[in-house]
């Protein structure tokens, strides 16, 4: 399915008019400082970094962004995504090793 450049720009403009990505806004639960809270905060940090890369890309598509800021934000988002994927792979690997342990 081919998407025209104009349709892509229109979609980015629609997102730019929104205050936040759909499904990511709302009240934050109060954490007790445990593992779940730390994981939630880390996840929110990842989402913020990826969203900033998306926002800078949108600004570049609209022609209102500094190229250095765009490249920096996109590189941070890429590094963050690679880190998350590596962590996910390690967690899955550890889980599989636990499953192989004799009882």
Protein backbone atom coordinates (compact mmCIF):
# COMPACT_ATOMS: atom_id res chain seq x y z
CA UNK A 1 0.00 0.00 0.00
CA UNK A 2 1.57 3.27 -1.12
CA UNK A 3 1.10 6.39 0.99
CA UNK A 4 1.47 9.76 -0.68
CA UNK A 5 3.74 12.41 0.79
CA UNK A 6 0.79 14.80 1.25
CA UNK A 7 -1.16 12.21 3.25
CA UNK A 8 1.84 11.59 5.49
CA UNK A 9 2.32 15.31 6.15
CA UNK A 10 -1.39 15.68 6.89
CA UNK A 11 -1.16 12.84 9.41
CA UNK A 12 1.84 14.44 11.10
CA UNK A 13 0.01 17.78 11.24
CA UNK A 14 -2.96 16.07 12.88
CA UNK A 15 -0.68 14.57 15.54
CA UNK A 16 1.04 17.93 16.06
CA UNK A 17 -2.31 19.53 16.92
CA UNK A 18 -2.85 16.97 19.68
CA UNK A 19 -1.29 17.53 23.08
CA UNK A 20 -0.19 13.91 23.50
CA UNK A 21 -0.30 10.63 21.67
CA UNK A 22 -3.64 8.81 21.95
CA UNK A 23 -3.79 6.38 24.86
CA UNK A 24 -0.78 7.82 26.65
CA UNK A 25 -2.49 10.56 28.62
CA UNK A 26 -4.35 10.24 31.86
CA UNK A 27 -3.77 10.07 35.57
CA UNK A 28 -0.64 8.39 36.80
CA UNK A 29 -0.97 5.87 39.60
CA UNK A 30 0.79 6.54 42.89
CA UNK A 31 3.76 4.24 43.24
CA UNK A 32 5.17 2.79 46.43
CA UNK A 33 8.76 2.92 45.20
CA UNK A 34 8.86 -0.80 44.34
CA UNK A 35 9.95 -2.62 41.22
CA UNK A 36 6.66 -2.00 39.42
CA UNK A 37 6.96 1.74 40.02
CA UNK A 38 10.55 1.79 38.78
CA UNK A 39 9.53 -0.17 35.69
CA UNK A 40 6.63 2.22 35.05
CA UNK A 41 8.91 5.26 35.34
CA UNK A 42 11.48 3.71 33.00
CA UNK A 43 8.76 2.90 30.49
CA UNK A 44 7.41 6.44 30.64
CA UNK A 45 10.95 7.75 30.05
CA UNK A 46 11.28 5.53 26.99
CA UNK A 47 7.93 6.70 25.66
CA UNK A 48 8.90 10.34 26.21
CA UNK A 49 12.18 9.86 24.35
CA UNK A 50 10.49 8.15 21.41
CA UNK A 51 7.77 10.81 21.37
CA UNK A 52 10.40 13.58 21.29
CA UNK A 53 12.03 11.94 18.26
CA UNK A 54 8.63 11.76 16.58
CA UNK A 55 7.91 15.41 17.45
CA UNK A 56 11.23 16.57 16.04
CA UNK A 57 10.63 14.55 12.86
CA UNK A 58 7.25 16.23 12.53
CA UNK A 59 8.84 19.65 12.97
CA UNK A 60 11.38 18.77 10.25
CA UNK A 61 8.59 17.66 7.90
CA UNK A 62 6.88 21.00 8.49
CA UNK A 63 10.16 22.83 7.93
CA UNK A 64 10.27 24.48 11.36
CA UNK A 65 13.02 22.48 13.10
CA UNK A 66 16.76 22.82 13.37
CA UNK A 67 18.43 19.90 11.62
CA UNK A 68 20.83 19.33 14.53
CA UNK A 69 17.93 18.99 16.99
CA UNK A 70 16.16 16.55 14.68
CA UNK A 71 19.23 14.34 14.23
CA UNK A 72 19.95 14.38 17.98
CA UNK A 73 16.37 13.48 18.92
CA UNK A 74 16.14 10.71 16.32
CA UNK A 75 19.49 9.25 17.42
CA UNK A 76 18.37 9.27 21.07
CA UNK A 77 15.13 7.55 20.09
CA UNK A 78 17.01 4.94 18.06
CA UNK A 79 19.44 4.24 20.90
CA UNK A 80 16.57 3.99 23.38
CA UNK A 81 14.69 1.56 21.15
CA UNK A 82 17.79 -0.61 20.69
CA UNK A 83 18.31 -0.65 24.47
CA UNK A 84 14.71 -1.68 25.09
CA UNK A 85 14.94 -4.46 22.50
CA UNK A 86 18.19 -5.71 24.06
CA UNK A 87 16.64 -5.71 27.54
CA UNK A 88 13.59 -7.55 26.25
CA UNK A 89 15.79 -10.20 24.62
CA UNK A 90 17.79 -10.66 27.83
CA UNK A 91 14.63 -11.02 29.94
CA UNK A 92 13.26 -13.62 27.54
CA UNK A 93 16.59 -15.46 27.58
CA UNK A 94 16.65 -15.47 31.39
CA UNK A 95 13.05 -16.72 31.50
CA UNK A 96 13.89 -19.55 29.10
CA UNK A 97 16.87 -20.54 31.23
CA UNK A 98 14.67 -20.65 34.31
CA UNK A 99 12.23 -22.90 32.47
CA UNK A 100 15.06 -25.31 31.64
CA UNK A 101 16.12 -25.65 35.29
CA UNK A 102 15.35 -29.02 36.86
CA UNK A 103 12.97 -28.97 39.78
